[in-house]
Amino acid sequence: MRALFAVALFLSSRLISLAQEAPLVSPLSSFTISQQQNDGWTTALHFAHAAHRDVSLEGKYPWPALFYISPDDRWILQIQKSGSGDNISFLYRVEQNGRVWRMGQGFGELAFQFLDRLPGLHRAEMYHTGIEFRAWSMRDGSLRFTIHGSSVEQSGKGVERELIYDLKNHQFRTPKA
């Protein structure tokens, strides 16, 4: 039993050090994303173009985040664990000049506001909420993801629904049937 615990401890410490050692390279190699654990996880973008400064992303979190970079290196989706079964998310736009902006309100928050206008469960009736990345579609300028939550009232019930975010018009929609 001690040997199993020691192996598990070694593997978890190795995963943490890998997250610190291996930056995520964007598809076109124009920047990398690195996360560092120092009293909480922080994230920085480092641009390959020397004229662009490194950018530190907002926030310090107890867990490392997942990052999904669009094929054109212009968009970044950050999905950040925020608790047991929950996550929050942020959408970033990377401009050619190295400027990075983050959508003012959390991406997942806005998605749940959209979901609340549809028939079915509303966010106030759910726990273990969050989103999961599915795909970038640069052809139609969209981000596809799944939004989910468990019902507070009924065990085994909840929501898992695919949504699309239009990157040009900044609007959520449901996929066409």
Protein backbone atom coordinates (compact mmCIF):
# COMPACT_ATOMS: atom_id res chain seq x y z
CA MET A 1 0.00 0.00 0.00
CA ARG A 2 2.86 2.40 0.83
CA ALA A 3 4.50 1.63 -2.50
CA LEU A 4 1.27 2.46 -4.34
CA PHE A 5 0.98 5.74 -2.43
CA ALA A 6 4.62 6.59 -3.20
CA VAL A 7 4.08 5.92 -6.93
CA ALA A 8 0.92 8.07 -6.93
CA LEU A 9 2.76 10.90 -5.15
CA PHE A 10 5.66 10.68 -7.60
CA LEU A 11 3.35 10.72 -10.63
CA SER A 12 1.33 13.71 -9.36
CA SER A 13 4.50 15.69 -8.63
CA ARG A 14 5.82 14.74 -12.09
CA LEU A 15 2.61 15.98 -13.75
CA ILE A 16 2.93 19.29 -11.91
CA SER A 17 6.56 19.67 -12.98
CA LEU A 18 5.65 18.78 -16.59
CA ALA A 19 3.03 21.56 -16.60
CA GLN A 20 5.78 23.94 -15.50
CA GLU A 21 8.42 22.61 -17.89
CA ALA A 22 6.56 22.18 -21.17
CA PRO A 23 4.85 25.28 -22.56
CA LEU A 24 1.93 24.82 -24.94
CA VAL A 25 2.96 25.94 -28.43
CA SER A 26 0.30 27.64 -30.55
CA PRO A 27 -0.59 25.94 -33.88
CA LEU A 28 1.33 28.55 -35.93
CA SER A 29 4.12 28.81 -33.33
CA SER A 30 3.54 32.54 -32.87
CA PHE A 31 3.34 32.18 -29.07
CA THR A 32 3.57 29.72 -26.22
CA ILE A 33 1.49 29.44 -23.07
CA SER A 34 3.27 28.49 -19.87
CA GLN A 35 1.84 27.86 -16.43
CA GLN A 36 3.84 28.16 -13.25
CA GLN A 37 2.93 26.94 -9.79
CA ASN A 38 4.08 29.34 -7.10
CA ASP A 39 1.53 29.64 -4.31
CA GLY A 40 -1.13 29.14 -7.00
CA TRP A 41 -1.05 28.64 -10.76
CA THR A 42 -0.30 31.62 -13.00
CA THR A 43 -0.16 31.79 -16.78
CA ALA A 44 1.91 33.77 -19.28
CA LEU A 45 1.95 34.09 -23.06
CA HIS A 46 5.38 34.40 -24.63
CA PHE A 47 5.47 35.65 -28.22
CA ALA A 48 7.96 34.36 -30.77
CA HIS A 49 8.15 37.88 -32.27
CA ALA A 50 10.72 39.75 -30.17
CA ALA A 51 8.84 43.08 -30.47
CA HIS A 52 5.85 41.68 -28.55
CA ARG A 53 6.01 41.65 -24.77
CA ASP A 54 5.07 38.65 -22.68
CA VAL A 55 1.53 38.85 -21.35
CA SER A 56 0.49 37.57 -17.93
CA LEU A 57 -3.08 36.31 -17.89
CA GLU A 58 -5.29 37.44 -15.03
CA GLY A 59 -5.84 35.22 -12.04
CA LYS A 60 -4.06 32.82 -9.74
CA TYR A 61 -5.74 29.45 -9.29
CA PRO A 62 -5.27 26.33 -7.14
CA TRP A 63 -5.20 24.11 -10.28
CA PRO A 64 -3.57 24.36 -13.71
CA ALA A 65 -5.88 25.29 -16.58
CA LEU A 66 -6.63 23.70 -19.94
CA PHE A 67 -5.98 25.92 -22.97
CA TYR A 68 -7.38 25.49 -26.48
CA ILE A 69 -5.83 27.69 -29.17
CA SER A 70 -7.57 28.32 -32.48
CA PRO A 71 -5.79 27.08 -35.63
CA ASP A 72 -5.13 30.72 -36.70
CA ASP A 73 -3.52 31.61 -33.32
CA ARG A 74 -6.12 34.38 -32.81
CA TRP A 75 -8.29 32.89 -30.06
CA ILE A 76 -7.59 31.11 -26.78
CA LEU A 77 -10.17 29.33 -24.66
CA GLN A 78 -9.10 28.79 -21.05
CA ILE A 79 -11.04 26.25 -19.00
CA GLN A 80 -10.15 26.51 -15.35
CA LYS A 81 -11.20 24.05 -12.67
CA SER A 82 -12.87 26.09 -9.94
CA GLY A 83 -14.06 23.40 -7.53
CA SER A 84 -15.21 19.82 -7.30
CA GLY A 85 -16.93 19.14 -10.64
CA ASP A 86 -17.06 22.84 -11.59
CA ASN A 87 -15.12 24.99 -14.01
CA ILE A 88 -14.99 28.57 -15.17
CA SER A 89 -13.78 29.69 -18.57
CA PHE A 90 -12.37 32.71 -20.35
CA LEU A 91 -12.08 33.61 -24.02
CA TYR A 92 -9.09 35.62 -25.22
CA ARG A 93 -8.44 37.36 -28.54
CA VAL A 94 -4.79 37.63 -29.64
CA GLU A 95 -4.14 40.50 -32.06
CA GLN A 96 -1.37 40.63 -34.68
CA ASN A 97 0.45 43.36 -32.71
CA GLY A 98 0.70 41.10 -29.63
CA ARG A 99 -2.15 42.75 -27.74
CA VAL A 100 -4.28 40.24 -25.83
CA TRP A 101 -7.76 41.00 -24.56
CA ARG A 102 -10.04 38.88 -22.44
CA MET A 103 -13.81 38.88 -22.79
CA GLY A 104 -15.08 41.08 -19.95
CA GLN A 105 -17.39 38.49 -18.43
CA GLY A 106 -16.46 34.84 -18.06
CA PHE A 107 -17.17 32.82 -21.20
CA GLY A 108 -18.99 30.07 -19.29
CA GLU A 109 -21.05 32.67 -17.40
CA LEU A 110 -22.26 34.14 -20.68
CA ALA A 111 -23.00 30.66 -22.03
CA PHE A 112 -25.13 29.88 -18.97
CA GLN A 113 -27.00 33.17 -19.41
CA PHE A 114 -27.78 32.04 -22.96
CA LEU A 115 -28.78 28.57 -21.73
CA ASP A 116 -31.13 30.13 -19.15
CA ARG A 117 -33.18 31.60 -22.04
CA LEU A 118 -33.76 28.11 -23.49
CA PRO A 119 -36.31 25.58 -22.21
CA GLY A 120 -35.04 23.20 -19.52
CA LEU A 121 -32.99 23.54 -16.37
CA HIS A 122 -31.58 26.92 -15.42
CA ARG A 123 -28.20 27.53 -13.81
CA ALA A 124 -29.73 28.20 -10.39
CA GLU A 125 -31.10 24.64 -10.49
CA MET A 126 -27.71 23.03 -11.20
CA TYR A 127 -24.40 22.12 -9.61
CA HIS A 128 -21.20 20.66 -11.11
CA THR A 129 -21.46 23.19 -13.89
CA GLY A 130 -19.04 24.10 -16.61
CA ILE A 131 -18.10 23.72 -20.24
CA GLU A 132 -16.03 21.32 -22.32
CA PHE A 133 -14.21 22.26 -25.51
CA ARG A 134 -15.24 20.47 -28.72
CA ALA A 135 -13.73 22.22 -31.76
CA TRP A 136 -12.71 25.40 -33.51
CA SER A 137 -14.28 25.99 -36.92
CA MET A 138 -12.35 28.76 -38.62
CA ARG A 139 -14.31 28.22 -41.85
CA ASP A 140 -17.46 29.59 -40.22
CA GLY A 141 -15.67 31.52 -37.45
CA SER A 142 -17.02 29.58 -34.49
CA LEU A 143 -16.14 27.78 -31.31
CA ARG A 144 -18.08 24.62 -30.48
CA PHE A 145 -18.38 23.45 -26.89
CA THR A 146 -20.60 21.50 -24.55
CA ILE A 147 -22.22 23.09 -21.52
CA HIS A 148 -23.20 20.87 -18.61
CA GLY A 149 -24.67 20.80 -15.14
CA SER A 150 -26.35 18.35 -12.75
CA SER A 151 -29.82 18.88 -11.36
CA VAL A 152 -30.00 19.95 -7.72
CA GLU A 153 -33.47 18.38 -7.43
CA GLN A 154 -33.13 15.04 -9.24
CA SER A 155 -30.15 12.72 -9.07
CA GLY A 156 -29.03 11.59 -12.52
CA LYS A 157 -30.74 14.50 -14.28
CA GLY A 158 -29.12 17.56 -15.71
CA VAL A 159 -28.03 19.31 -18.85
CA GLU A 160 -25.41 18.45 -21.41
CA ARG A 161 -25.90 20.51 -24.52
CA GLU A 162 -23.72 21.52 -27.43
CA LEU A 163 -23.52 25.25 -28.11
CA ILE A 164 -21.73 27.33 -30.69
CA TYR A 165 -20.13 30.72 -30.15
CA ASP A 166 -19.88 32.95 -33.23
CA LEU A 167 -16.45 34.61 -32.99
CA LYS A 168 -17.37 37.35 -35.49
CA ASN A 169 -20.77 38.37 -34.11
CA HIS A 170 -20.04 37.47 -30.49
CA GLN A 171 -23.24 35.49 -30.09
CA PHE A 172 -24.17 32.05 -28.79
CA ARG A 173 -26.44 29.70 -30.70
CA THR A 174 -27.54 26.09 -30.74
CA PRO A 175 -26.44 23.80 -33.59
CA LYS A 176 -28.90 23.35 -36.43
CA ALA A 177 -30.74 20.06 -36.22
